[in-house]
Amino acid sequence: MSAKVRVSTRSRDSRPLNRDRPRLTARAGALVVIVTLLGVLAVVPARAYLDQRAQLAALELQAQQLENENATIGTAIAKLHDPAELERLARECLGMVKPGEVAFVTPGTVLRSNC
């Protein structure tokens, strides 16, 4: 019968390997540095993108407000092309009368100034 002998390939002065904690190798460290650098470099374009989206939203809101104002002014212009509206404004704001009409002005009567 033969006895099995266990031979250790480690030298006596070497430390046993501690596999309980993860080790950070040079390759893993370089990968962490590269990923962090790419993350930092991605912040600037992302911030510019978000700033441009906010600016675009503000400009769209301003454009909508200007379109609404333009529609209101267009309605007022269309009213001014109506002869009945022009006559009303001439009578109320300027105190004008048609030929042959008699205008009576009472004391204390003031022409409208909001016309």
PDB file of N, CA and C in Angstrom:
ATOM      1  N   MET A   1       0.815  -1.152   0.000  1.00  0.00           N
ATOM      2  CA  MET A   1       0.000   0.000   0.000  1.00  0.00           C
ATOM      3  C   MET A   1       0.876   1.237   0.000  1.00  0.00           C
ATOM      4  N   SER A   2       0.362   2.177  -0.741  1.00  0.00           N
ATOM      5  CA  SER A   2       1.169   3.387  -0.841  1.00  0.00           C
ATOM      6  C   SER A   2       0.459   4.533  -0.134  1.00  0.00           C
ATOM      7  N   ALA A   3       1.192   5.356   0.468  1.00  0.00           N
ATOM      8  CA  ALA A   3       0.638   6.510   1.182  1.00  0.00           C
ATOM      9  C   ALA A   3       0.676   7.714   0.254  1.00  0.00           C
ATOM     10  N   LYS A   4      -0.406   8.442   0.270  1.00  0.00           N
ATOM     11  CA  LYS A   4      -0.456   9.625  -0.579  1.00  0.00           C
ATOM     12  C   LYS A   4       0.205  10.766   0.157  1.00  0.00           C
ATOM     13  N   VAL A   5       1.067  11.403  -0.555  1.00  0.00           N
ATOM     14  CA  VAL A   5       1.775  12.535   0.037  1.00  0.00           C
ATOM     15  C   VAL A   5       1.273  13.794  -0.651  1.00  0.00           C
ATOM     16  N   ARG A   6       0.953  14.734   0.131  1.00  0.00           N
ATOM     17  CA  ARG A   6       0.473  16.007  -0.397  1.00  0.00           C
ATOM     18  C   ARG A   6       1.643  16.963  -0.486  1.00  0.00           C
ATOM     19  N   VAL A   7       1.872  17.436  -1.712  1.00  0.00           N
ATOM     20  CA  VAL A   7       3.005  18.325  -1.922  1.00  0.00           C
ATOM     21  C   VAL A   7       2.465  19.726  -2.184  1.00  0.00           C
ATOM     22  N   SER A   8       2.968  20.657  -1.487  1.00  0.00           N
ATOM     23  CA  SER A   8       2.545  22.051  -1.656  1.00  0.00           C
ATOM     24  C   SER A   8       3.477  22.716  -2.659  1.00  0.00           C
ATOM     25  N   THR A   9       2.876  23.421  -3.604  1.00  0.00           N
ATOM     26  CA  THR A   9       3.697  24.114  -4.604  1.00  0.00           C
ATOM     27  C   THR A   9       4.076  25.506  -4.132  1.00  0.00           C
ATOM     28  N   ARG A  10       3.496  25.959  -3.046  1.00  0.00           N
ATOM     29  CA  ARG A  10       3.814  27.284  -2.500  1.00  0.00           C
ATOM     30  C   ARG A  10       5.064  27.195  -1.655  1.00  0.00           C
ATOM     31  N   SER A  11       5.796  28.261  -1.713  1.00  0.00           N
ATOM     32  CA  SER A  11       6.966  28.306  -0.839  1.00  0.00           C
ATOM     33  C   SER A  11       6.509  28.681   0.560  1.00  0.00           C
ATOM     34  N   ARG A  12       7.309  28.438   1.495  1.00  0.00           N
ATOM     35  CA  ARG A  12       6.917  28.646   2.872  1.00  0.00           C
ATOM     36  C   ARG A  12       6.799  30.122   3.242  1.00  0.00           C
ATOM     37  N   ASP A  13       7.529  30.987   2.600  1.00  0.00           N
ATOM     38  CA  ASP A  13       7.495  32.397   2.991  1.00  0.00           C
ATOM     39  C   ASP A  13       6.404  33.180   2.254  1.00  0.00           C
ATOM     40  N   SER A  14       5.694  32.587   1.322  1.00  0.00           N
ATOM     41  CA  SER A  14       4.627  33.321   0.625  1.00  0.00           C
ATOM     42  C   SER A  14       3.367  33.348   1.473  1.00  0.00           C
ATOM     43  N   ARG A  15       2.630  34.456   1.322  1.00  0.00           N
ATOM     44  CA  ARG A  15       1.397  34.613   2.094  1.00  0.00           C
ATOM     45  C   ARG A  15       0.267  33.862   1.413  1.00  0.00           C
ATOM     46  N   PRO A  16      -0.679  33.366   2.175  1.00  0.00           N
ATOM     47  CA  PRO A  16      -1.816  32.698   1.549  1.00  0.00           C
ATOM     48  C   PRO A  16      -2.693  33.738   0.847  1.00  0.00           C
ATOM     49  N   LEU A  17      -3.291  33.357  -0.246  1.00  0.00           N
ATOM     50  CA  LEU A  17      -4.158  34.266  -0.995  1.00  0.00           C
ATOM     51  C   LEU A  17      -5.454  34.505  -0.236  1.00  0.00           C
ATOM     52  N   ASN A  18      -5.839  35.752  -0.115  1.00  0.00           N
ATOM     53  CA  ASN A  18      -7.080  36.094   0.569  1.00  0.00           C
ATOM     54  C   ASN A  18      -8.131  36.403  -0.488  1.00  0.00           C
ATOM     55  N   ARG A  19      -9.016  35.501  -0.733  1.00  0.00           N
ATOM     56  CA  ARG A  19     -10.043  35.645  -1.763  1.00  0.00           C
ATOM     57  C   ARG A  19     -11.370  36.142  -1.180  1.00  0.00           C
ATOM     58  N   ASP A  20     -11.386  36.537   0.072  1.00  0.00           N
ATOM     59  CA  ASP A  20     -12.617  36.989   0.701  1.00  0.00           C
ATOM     60  C   ASP A  20     -13.037  38.375   0.216  1.00  0.00           C
ATOM     61  N   ARG A  21     -12.096  39.235  -0.106  1.00  0.00           N
ATOM     62  CA  ARG A  21     -12.428  40.587  -0.559  1.00  0.00           C
ATOM     63  C   ARG A  21     -12.089  40.723  -2.045  1.00  0.00           C
ATOM     64  N   PRO A  22     -12.900  41.525  -2.777  1.00  0.00           N
ATOM     65  CA  PRO A  22     -12.600  41.704  -4.198  1.00  0.00           C
ATOM     66  C   PRO A  22     -11.345  42.552  -4.369  1.00  0.00           C
ATOM     67  N   ARG A  23     -10.588  42.208  -5.379  1.00  0.00           N
ATOM     68  CA  ARG A  23      -9.357  42.948  -5.639  1.00  0.00           C
ATOM     69  C   ARG A  23      -9.586  43.890  -6.808  1.00  0.00           C
ATOM     70  N   LEU A  24      -8.951  45.047  -6.752  1.00  0.00           N
ATOM     71  CA  LEU A  24      -9.014  46.015  -7.836  1.00  0.00           C
ATOM     72  C   LEU A  24      -7.741  45.872  -8.651  1.00  0.00           C
ATOM     73  N   THR A  25      -7.910  45.297  -9.823  1.00  0.00           N
ATOM     74  CA  THR A  25      -6.746  45.109 -10.685  1.00  0.00           C
ATOM     75  C   THR A  25      -6.494  46.391 -11.458  1.00  0.00           C
ATOM     76  N   ALA A  26      -5.371  46.453 -12.120  1.00  0.00           N
ATOM     77  CA  ALA A  26      -5.022  47.632 -12.918  1.00  0.00           C
ATOM     78  C   ALA A  26      -6.013  47.803 -14.062  1.00  0.00           C
ATOM     79  N   ARG A  27      -6.425  46.721 -14.647  1.00  0.00           N
ATOM     80  CA  ARG A  27      -7.377  46.783 -15.752  1.00  0.00           C
ATOM     81  C   ARG A  27      -8.737  47.303 -15.267  1.00  0.00           C
ATOM     82  N   ALA A  28      -9.190  46.832 -14.114  1.00  0.00           N
ATOM     83  CA  ALA A  28     -10.461  47.296 -13.555  1.00  0.00           C
ATOM     84  C   ALA A  28     -10.352  48.765 -13.148  1.00  0.00           C
ATOM     85  N   GLY A  29      -9.230  49.161 -12.609  1.00  0.00           N
ATOM     86  CA  GLY A  29      -9.017  50.568 -12.232  1.00  0.00           C
ATOM     87  C   GLY A  29      -9.045  51.470 -13.448  1.00  0.00           C
ATOM     88  N   ALA A  30      -8.394  51.047 -14.519  1.00  0.00           N
ATOM     89  CA  ALA A  30      -8.405  51.845 -15.751  1.00  0.00           C
ATOM     90  C   ALA A  30      -9.818  51.945 -16.313  1.00  0.00           C
ATOM     91  N   LEU A  31     -10.557  50.868 -16.240  1.00  0.00           N
ATOM     92  CA  LEU A  31     -11.936  50.881 -16.721  1.00  0.00           C
ATOM     93  C   LEU A  31     -12.794  51.837 -15.894  1.00  0.00           C
ATOM     94  N   VAL A  32     -12.620  51.854 -14.587  1.00  0.00           N
ATOM     95  CA  VAL A  32     -13.366  52.770 -13.723  1.00  0.00           C
ATOM     96  C   VAL A  32     -13.021  54.219 -14.064  1.00  0.00           C
ATOM     97  N   VAL A  33     -11.742  54.492 -14.284  1.00  0.00           N
ATOM     98  CA  VAL A  33     -11.315  55.854 -14.635  1.00  0.00           C
ATOM     99  C   VAL A  33     -11.916  56.267 -15.973  1.00  0.00           C
ATOM    100  N   ILE A  34     -11.905  55.395 -16.955  1.00  0.00           N
ATOM    101  CA  ILE A  34     -12.436  55.716 -18.281  1.00  0.00           C
ATOM    102  C   ILE A  34     -13.942  55.949 -18.222  1.00  0.00           C
ATOM    103  N   VAL A  35     -14.659  55.083 -17.517  1.00  0.00           N
ATOM    104  CA  VAL A  35     -16.115  55.240 -17.406  1.00  0.00           C
ATOM    105  C   VAL A  35     -16.460  56.532 -16.677  1.00  0.00           C
ATOM    106  N   THR A  36     -15.720  56.860 -15.626  1.00  0.00           N
ATOM    107  CA  THR A  36     -15.950  58.116 -14.898  1.00  0.00           C
ATOM    108  C   THR A  36     -15.666  59.311 -15.791  1.00  0.00           C
ATOM    109  N   LEU A  37     -14.582  59.255 -16.541  1.00  0.00           N
ATOM    110  CA  LEU A  37     -14.236  60.347 -17.456  1.00  0.00           C
ATOM    111  C   LEU A  37     -15.312  60.526 -18.521  1.00  0.00           C
ATOM    112  N   LEU A  38     -15.805  59.436 -19.083  1.00  0.00           N
ATOM    113  CA  LEU A  38     -16.874  59.536 -20.079  1.00  0.00           C
ATOM    114  C   LEU A  38     -18.153  60.095 -19.459  1.00  0.00           C
ATOM    115  N   GLY A  39     -18.445  59.731 -18.236  1.00  0.00           N
ATOM    116  CA  GLY A  39     -19.614  60.274 -17.549  1.00  0.00           C
ATOM    117  C   GLY A  39     -19.497  61.776 -17.333  1.00  0.00           C
ATOM    118  N   VAL A  40     -18.324  62.227 -16.928  1.00  0.00           N
ATOM    119  CA  VAL A  40     -18.097  63.668 -16.722  1.00  0.00           C
ATOM    120  C   VAL A  40     -18.183  64.408 -18.047  1.00  0.00           C
ATOM    121  N   LEU A  41     -17.608  63.844 -19.088  1.00  0.00           N
ATOM    122  CA  LEU A  41     -17.652  64.505 -20.396  1.00  0.00           C
ATOM    123  C   LEU A  41     -19.058  64.523 -20.987  1.00  0.00           C
ATOM    124  N   ALA A  42     -19.912  63.611 -20.570  1.00  0.00           N
ATOM    125  CA  ALA A  42     -21.284  63.575 -21.081  1.00  0.00           C
ATOM    126  C   ALA A  42     -22.165  64.614 -20.403  1.00  0.00           C
ATOM    127  N   VAL A  43     -21.728  65.172 -19.284  1.00  0.00           N
ATOM    128  CA  VAL A  43     -22.538  66.152 -18.554  1.00  0.00           C
ATOM    129  C   VAL A  43     -22.688  67.439 -19.352  1.00  0.00           C
ATOM    130  N   VAL A  44     -21.623  67.907 -19.981  1.00  0.00           N
ATOM    131  CA  VAL A  44     -21.660  69.183 -20.709  1.00  0.00           C
ATOM    132  C   VAL A  44     -22.655  69.136 -21.874  1.00  0.00           C
ATOM    133  N   PRO A  45     -22.603  68.148 -22.759  1.00  0.00           N
ATOM    134  CA  PRO A  45     -23.609  68.100 -23.830  1.00  0.00           C
ATOM    135  C   PRO A  45     -25.029  67.901 -23.300  1.00  0.00           C
ATOM    136  N   ALA A  46     -25.168  67.138 -22.242  1.00  0.00           N
ATOM    137  CA  ALA A  46     -26.502  66.917 -21.682  1.00  0.00           C
ATOM    138  C   ALA A  46     -27.057  68.217 -21.125  1.00  0.00           C
ATOM    139  N   ARG A  47     -26.225  68.995 -20.454  1.00  0.00           N
ATOM    140  CA  ARG A  47     -26.675  70.276 -19.914  1.00  0.00           C
ATOM    141  C   ARG A  47     -27.039  71.231 -21.055  1.00  0.00           C
ATOM    142  N   ALA A  48     -26.229  71.268 -22.104  1.00  0.00           N
ATOM    143  CA  ALA A  48     -26.533  72.131 -23.250  1.00  0.00           C
ATOM    144  C   ALA A  48     -27.846  71.707 -23.902  1.00  0.00           C
ATOM    145  N   TYR A  49     -28.064  70.411 -24.006  1.00  0.00           N
ATOM    146  CA  TYR A  49     -29.306  69.898 -24.583  1.00  0.00           C
ATOM    147  C   TYR A  49     -30.512  70.327 -23.756  1.00  0.00           C
ATOM    148  N   LEU A  50     -30.424  70.188 -22.445  1.00  0.00           N
ATOM    149  CA  LEU A  50     -31.535  70.576 -21.580  1.00  0.00           C
ATOM    150  C   LEU A  50     -31.768  72.089 -21.611  1.00  0.00           C
ATOM    151  N   ASP A  51     -30.689  72.875 -21.662  1.00  0.00           N
ATOM    152  CA  ASP A  51     -30.836  74.330 -21.766  1.00  0.00           C
ATOM    153  C   ASP A  51     -31.520  74.718 -23.075  1.00  0.00           C
ATOM    154  N   GLN A  52     -31.144  74.055 -24.157  1.00  0.00           N
ATOM    155  CA  GLN A  52     -31.756  74.361 -25.452  1.00  0.00           C
ATOM    156  C   GLN A  52     -33.222  73.946 -25.478  1.00  0.00           C
ATOM    157  N   ARG A  53     -33.563  72.843 -24.817  1.00  0.00           N
ATOM    158  CA  ARG A  53     -34.973  72.441 -24.754  1.00  0.00           C
ATOM    159  C   ARG A  53     -35.794  73.458 -23.974  1.00  0.00           C
ATOM    160  N   ALA A  54     -35.237  73.983 -22.887  1.00  0.00           N
ATOM    161  CA  ALA A  54     -35.942  74.995 -22.094  1.00  0.00           C
ATOM    162  C   ALA A  54     -36.102  76.279 -22.903  1.00  0.00           C
ATOM    163  N   GLN A  55     -35.054  76.650 -23.625  1.00  0.00           N
ATOM    164  CA  GLN A  55     -35.124  77.854 -24.460  1.00  0.00           C
ATOM    165  C   GLN A  55     -36.147  77.662 -25.578  1.00  0.00           C
ATOM    166  N   LEU A  56     -36.191  76.491 -26.160  1.00  0.00           N
ATOM    167  CA  LEU A  56     -37.152  76.206 -27.216  1.00  0.00           C
ATOM    168  C   LEU A  56     -38.585  76.277 -26.686  1.00  0.00           C
ATOM    169  N   ALA A  57     -38.809  75.751 -25.494  1.00  0.00           N
ATOM    170  CA  ALA A  57     -40.149  75.815 -24.890  1.00  0.00           C
ATOM    171  C   ALA A  57     -40.557  77.261 -24.630  1.00  0.00           C
ATOM    172  N   ALA A  58     -39.611  78.088 -24.161  1.00  0.00           N
ATOM    173  CA  ALA A  58     -39.916  79.497 -23.914  1.00  0.00           C
ATOM    174  C   ALA A  58     -40.233  80.222 -25.221  1.00  0.00           C
ATOM    175  N   LEU A  59     -39.485  79.916 -26.266  1.00  0.00           N
ATOM    176  CA  LEU A  59     -39.734  80.553 -27.562  1.00  0.00           C
ATOM    177  C   LEU A  59     -41.069  80.113 -28.158  1.00  0.00           C
ATOM    178  N   GLU A  60     -41.430  78.847 -27.969  1.00  0.00           N
ATOM    179  CA  GLU A  60     -42.733  78.375 -28.464  1.00  0.00           C
ATOM    180  C   GLU A  60     -43.876  79.069 -27.723  1.00  0.00           C
ATOM    181  N   LEU A  61     -43.709  79.268 -26.414  1.00  0.00           N
ATOM    182  CA  LEU A  61     -44.722  79.984 -25.637  1.00  0.00           C
ATOM    183  C   LEU A  61     -44.835  81.427 -26.110  1.00  0.00           C
ATOM    184  N   GLN A  62     -43.692  82.069 -26.342  1.00  0.00           N
ATOM    185  CA  GLN A  62     -43.689  83.451 -26.831  1.00  0.00           C
ATOM    186  C   GLN A  62     -44.337  83.528 -28.213  1.00  0.00           C
ATOM    187  N   ALA A  63     -44.055  82.567 -29.079  1.00  0.00           N
ATOM    188  CA  ALA A  63     -44.654  82.553 -30.412  1.00  0.00           C
ATOM    189  C   ALA A  63     -46.170  82.397 -30.327  1.00  0.00           C
ATOM    190  N   GLN A  64     -46.640  81.554 -29.417  1.00  0.00           N
ATOM    191  CA  GLN A  64     -48.084  81.369 -29.243  1.00  0.00           C
ATOM    192  C   GLN A  64     -48.729  82.656 -28.743  1.00  0.00           C
ATOM    193  N   GLN A  65     -48.088  83.335 -27.804  1.00  0.00           N
ATOM    194  CA  GLN A  65     -48.621  84.596 -27.297  1.00  0.00           C
ATOM    195  C   GLN A  65     -48.667  85.651 -28.405  1.00  0.00           C
ATOM    196  N   LEU A  66     -47.633  85.704 -29.221  1.00  0.00           N
ATOM    197  CA  LEU A  66     -47.610  86.670 -30.324  1.00  0.00           C
ATOM    198  C   LEU A  66     -48.675  86.340 -31.371  1.00  0.00           C
ATOM    199  N   GLU A  67     -48.915  85.054 -31.610  1.00  0.00           N
ATOM    200  CA  GLU A  67     -49.972  84.676 -32.551  1.00  0.00           C
ATOM    201  C   GLU A  67     -51.343  85.095 -32.026  1.00  0.00           C
ATOM    202  N   ASN A  68     -51.557  84.922 -30.723  1.00  0.00           N
ATOM    203  CA  ASN A  68     -52.823  85.352 -30.133  1.00  0.00           C
ATOM    204  C   ASN A  68     -52.989  86.871 -30.235  1.00  0.00           C
ATOM    205  N   GLU A  69     -51.917  87.599 -29.935  1.00  0.00           N
ATOM    206  CA  GLU A  69     -51.961  89.058 -30.045  1.00  0.00           C
ATOM    207  C   GLU A  69     -52.180  89.488 -31.491  1.00  0.00           C
ATOM    208  N   ASN A  70     -51.551  88.798 -32.424  1.00  0.00           N
ATOM    209  CA  ASN A  70     -51.718  89.102 -33.841  1.00  0.00           C
ATOM    210  C   ASN A  70     -53.163  88.875 -34.274  1.00  0.00           C
ATOM    211  N   ALA A  71     -53.791  87.810 -33.775  1.00  0.00           N
ATOM    212  CA  ALA A  71     -55.188  87.538 -34.112  1.00  0.00           C
ATOM    213  C   ALA A  71     -56.097  88.632 -33.554  1.00  0.00           C
ATOM    214  N   THR A  72     -55.808  89.099 -32.336  1.00  0.00           N
ATOM    215  CA  THR A  72     -56.599  90.172 -31.732  1.00  0.00           C
ATOM    216  C   THR A  72     -56.461  91.465 -32.540  1.00  0.00           C
ATOM    217  N   ILE A  73     -55.252  91.778 -32.934  1.00  0.00           N
ATOM    218  CA  ILE A  73     -55.023  92.990 -33.729  1.00  0.00           C
ATOM    219  C   ILE A  73     -55.668  92.850 -35.103  1.00  0.00           C
ATOM    220  N   GLY A  74     -55.615  91.663 -35.678  1.00  0.00           N
ATOM    221  CA  GLY A  74     -56.262  91.429 -36.970  1.00  0.00           C
ATOM    222  C   GLY A  74     -57.769  91.639 -36.893  1.00  0.00           C
ATOM    223  N   THR A  75     -58.371  91.222 -35.787  1.00  0.00           N
ATOM    224  CA  THR A  75     -59.808  91.444 -35.591  1.00  0.00           C
ATOM    225  C   THR A  75     -60.113  92.939 -35.490  1.00  0.00           C
ATOM    226  N   ALA A  76     -59.262  93.671 -34.755  1.00  0.00           N
ATOM    227  CA  ALA A  76     -59.460  95.117 -34.626  1.00  0.00           C
ATOM    228  C   ALA A  76     -59.311  95.817 -35.977  1.00  0.00           C
ATOM    229  N   ILE A  77     -58.370  95.374 -36.780  1.00  0.00           N
ATOM    230  CA  ILE A  77     -58.175  95.964 -38.117  1.00  0.00           C
ATOM    231  C   ILE A  77     -59.394  95.692 -38.992  1.00  0.00           C
ATOM    232  N   ALA A  78     -59.902  94.468 -38.914  1.00  0.00           N
ATOM    233  CA  ALA A  78     -61.091  94.128 -39.709  1.00  0.00           C
ATOM    234  C   ALA A  78     -62.285  94.984 -39.295  1.00  0.00           C
ATOM    235  N   LYS A  79     -62.417  95.263 -37.994  1.00  0.00           N
ATOM    236  CA  LYS A  79     -63.509  96.129 -37.532  1.00  0.00           C
ATOM    237  C   LYS A  79     -63.348  97.548 -38.062  1.00  0.00           C
ATOM    238  N   LEU A  80     -62.115  98.022 -38.170  1.00  0.00           N
ATOM    239  CA  LEU A  80     -61.887  99.390 -38.648  1.00  0.00           C
ATOM    240  C   LEU A  80     -62.191  99.548 -40.138  1.00  0.00           C
ATOM    241  N   HIS A  81     -62.244  98.465 -40.865  1.00  0.00           N
ATOM    242  CA  HIS A  81     -62.603  98.538 -42.279  1.00  0.00           C
ATOM    243  C   HIS A  81     -64.122  98.592 -42.483  1.00  0.00           C
ATOM    244  N   ASP A  82     -64.883  98.378 -41.422  1.00  0.00           N
ATOM    245  CA  ASP A  82     -66.343  98.424 -41.489  1.00  0.00           C
ATOM    246  C   ASP A  82     -66.809  99.888 -41.396  1.00  0.00           C
ATOM    247  N   PRO A  83     -67.573 100.381 -42.389  1.00  0.00           N
ATOM    248  CA  PRO A  83     -68.020 101.786 -42.364  1.00  0.00           C
ATOM    249  C   PRO A  83     -68.878 102.115 -41.147  1.00  0.00           C
ATOM    250  N   ALA A  84     -69.676 101.176 -40.667  1.00  0.00           N
ATOM    251  CA  ALA A  84     -70.511 101.441 -39.491  1.00  0.00           C
ATOM    252  C   ALA A  84     -69.646 101.665 -38.253  1.00  0.00           C
ATOM    253  N   GLU A  85     -68.569 100.902 -38.127  1.00  0.00           N
ATOM    254  CA  GLU A  85     -67.668 101.071 -36.985  1.00  0.00           C
ATOM    255  C   GLU A  85     -66.935 102.406 -37.072  1.00  0.00           C
ATOM    256  N   LEU A  86     -66.526 102.796 -38.277  1.00  0.00           N
ATOM    257  CA  LEU A  86     -65.873 104.100 -38.452  1.00  0.00           C
ATOM    258  C   LEU A  86     -66.811 105.243 -38.083  1.00  0.00           C
ATOM    259  N   GLU A  87     -68.070 105.115 -38.481  1.00  0.00           N
ATOM    260  CA  GLU A  87     -69.045 106.156 -38.141  1.00  0.00           C
ATOM    261  C   GLU A  87     -69.249 106.222 -36.630  1.00  0.00           C
ATOM    262  N   ARG A  88     -69.358 105.067 -35.987  1.00  0.00           N
ATOM    263  CA  ARG A  88     -69.528 105.033 -34.538  1.00  0.00           C
ATOM    264  C   ARG A  88     -68.357 105.698 -33.832  1.00  0.00           C
ATOM    265  N   LEU A  89     -67.140 105.401 -34.269  1.00  0.00           N
ATOM    266  CA  LEU A  89     -65.958 106.002 -33.657  1.00  0.00           C
ATOM    267  C   LEU A  89     -65.916 107.509 -33.893  1.00  0.00           C
ATOM    268  N   ALA A  90     -66.300 107.960 -35.095  1.00  0.00           N
ATOM    269  CA  ALA A  90     -66.291 109.393 -35.388  1.00  0.00           C
ATOM    270  C   ALA A  90     -67.301 110.127 -34.514  1.00  0.00           C
ATOM    271  N   ARG A  91     -68.450 109.540 -34.298  1.00  0.00           N
ATOM    272  CA  ARG A  91     -69.480 110.193 -33.470  1.00  0.00           C
ATOM    273  C   ARG A  91     -69.083 110.189 -31.996  1.00  0.00           C
ATOM    274  N   GLU A  92     -68.654 109.041 -31.493  1.00  0.00           N
ATOM    275  CA  GLU A  92     -68.383 108.930 -30.064  1.00  0.00           C
ATOM    276  C   GLU A  92     -67.073 109.585 -29.654  1.00  0.00           C
ATOM    277  N   CYS A  93     -66.036 109.356 -30.406  1.00  0.00           N
ATOM    278  CA  CYS A  93     -64.709 109.837 -29.994  1.00  0.00           C
ATOM    279  C   CYS A  93     -64.430 111.263 -30.460  1.00  0.00           C
ATOM    280  N   LEU A  94     -64.878 111.602 -31.625  1.00  0.00           N
ATOM    281  CA  LEU A  94     -64.541 112.910 -32.183  1.00  0.00           C
ATOM    282  C   LEU A  94     -65.693 113.903 -32.127  1.00  0.00           C
ATOM    283  N   GLY A  95     -66.892 113.446 -31.794  1.00  0.00           N
ATOM    284  CA  GLY A  95     -68.048 114.328 -31.719  1.00  0.00           C
ATOM    285  C   GLY A  95     -68.521 114.813 -33.084  1.00  0.00           C
ATOM    286  N   MET A  96     -68.264 114.083 -34.126  1.00  0.00           N
ATOM    287  CA  MET A  96     -68.647 114.479 -35.481  1.00  0.00           C
ATOM    288  C   MET A  96     -70.123 114.171 -35.733  1.00  0.00           C
ATOM    289  N   VAL A  97     -70.725 114.940 -36.623  1.00  0.00           N
ATOM    290  CA  VAL A  97     -72.121 114.733 -37.028  1.00  0.00           C
ATOM    291  C   VAL A  97     -72.185 114.757 -38.540  1.00  0.00           C
ATOM    292  N   LYS A  98     -73.254 114.172 -39.081  1.00  0.00           N
ATOM    293  CA  LYS A  98     -73.456 114.184 -40.532  1.00  0.00           C
ATOM    294  C   LYS A  98     -73.958 115.568 -40.948  1.00  0.00           C
ATOM    295  N   PRO A  99     -73.756 115.897 -42.216  1.00  0.00           N
ATOM    296  CA  PRO A  99     -74.284 117.184 -42.684  1.00  0.00           C
ATOM    297  C   PRO A  99     -75.801 117.236 -42.503  1.00  0.00           C
ATOM    298  N   GLY A 100     -76.287 118.330 -41.980  1.00  0.00           N
ATOM    299  CA  GLY A 100     -77.709 118.520 -41.758  1.00  0.00           C
ATOM    300  C   GLY A 100     -78.146 118.120 -40.361  1.00  0.00           C
ATOM    301  N   GLU A 101     -77.340 117.401 -39.623  1.00  0.00           N
ATOM    302  CA  GLU A 101     -77.676 117.044 -38.255  1.00  0.00           C
ATOM    303  C   GLU A 101     -77.277 118.189 -37.320  1.00  0.00           C
ATOM    304  N   VAL A 102     -77.962 118.266 -36.210  1.00  0.00           N
ATOM    305  CA  VAL A 102     -77.646 119.285 -35.214  1.00  0.00           C
ATOM    306  C   VAL A 102     -77.080 118.563 -33.994  1.00  0.00           C
ATOM    307  N   ALA A 103     -75.943 119.022 -33.537  1.00  0.00           N
ATOM    308  CA  ALA A 103     -75.305 118.427 -32.369  1.00  0.00           C
ATOM    309  C   ALA A 103     -75.605 119.268 -31.152  1.00  0.00           C
ATOM    310  N   PHE A 104     -76.064 118.659 -30.110  1.00  0.00           N
ATOM    311  CA  PHE A 104     -76.312 119.352 -28.849  1.00  0.00           C
ATOM    312  C   PHE A 104     -75.221 118.946 -27.867  1.00  0.00           C
ATOM    313  N   VAL A 105     -74.609 119.923 -27.303  1.00  0.00           N
ATOM    314  CA  VAL A 105     -73.563 119.670 -26.321  1.00  0.00           C
ATOM    315  C   VAL A 105     -74.050 120.223 -25.000  1.00  0.00           C
ATOM    316  N   THR A 106     -74.103 119.408 -24.009  1.00  0.00           N
ATOM    317  CA  THR A 106     -74.527 119.840 -22.684  1.00  0.00           C
ATOM    318  C   THR A 106     -73.297 120.187 -21.848  1.00  0.00           C
ATOM    319  N   PRO A 107     -73.421 121.116 -20.938  1.00  0.00           N
ATOM    320  CA  PRO A 107     -72.271 121.474 -20.100  1.00  0.00           C
ATOM    321  C   PRO A 107     -71.800 120.258 -19.293  1.00  0.00           C
ATOM    322  N   GLY A 108     -70.515 120.118 -19.208  1.00  0.00           N
ATOM    323  CA  GLY A 108     -69.953 118.995 -18.446  1.00  0.00           C
ATOM    324  C   GLY A 108     -69.790 117.739 -19.276  1.00  0.00           C
ATOM    325  N   THR A 109     -70.205 117.763 -20.535  1.00  0.00           N
ATOM    326  CA  THR A 109     -70.057 116.579 -21.384  1.00  0.00           C
ATOM    327  C   THR A 109     -68.629 116.556 -21.923  1.00  0.00           C
ATOM    328  N   VAL A 110     -67.992 115.467 -21.753  1.00  0.00           N
ATOM    329  CA  VAL A 110     -66.617 115.306 -22.223  1.00  0.00           C
ATOM    330  C   VAL A 110     -66.595 114.181 -23.243  1.00  0.00           C
ATOM    331  N   LEU A 111     -65.859 114.414 -24.313  1.00  0.00           N
ATOM    332  CA  LEU A 111     -65.698 113.349 -25.304  1.00  0.00           C
ATOM    333  C   LEU A 111     -64.867 112.214 -24.720  1.00  0.00           C
ATOM    334  N   ARG A 112     -65.153 111.025 -25.173  1.00  0.00           N
ATOM    335  CA  ARG A 112     -64.411 109.869 -24.672  1.00  0.00           C
ATOM    336  C   ARG A 112     -62.945 109.977 -25.066  1.00  0.00           C
ATOM    337  N   SER A 113     -62.114 109.638 -24.160  1.00  0.00           N
ATOM    338  CA  SER A 113     -60.690 109.676 -24.477  1.00  0.00           C
ATOM    339  C   SER A 113     -60.114 108.269 -24.696  1.00  0.00           C
ATOM    340  N   ASN A 114     -60.933 107.248 -24.496  1.00  0.00           N
ATOM    341  CA  ASN A 114     -60.417 105.870 -24.674  1.00  0.00           C
ATOM    342  C   ASN A 114     -60.667 105.328 -26.067  1.00  0.00           C
ATOM    343  N   CYS A 115     -60.951 106.151 -27.008  1.00  0.00           N
ATOM    344  CA  CYS A 115     -61.215 105.698 -28.374  1.00  0.00           C
ATOM    345  C   CYS A 115     -59.931 105.615 -29.178  1.00  0.00           C
TER     346      CYS A 115
END
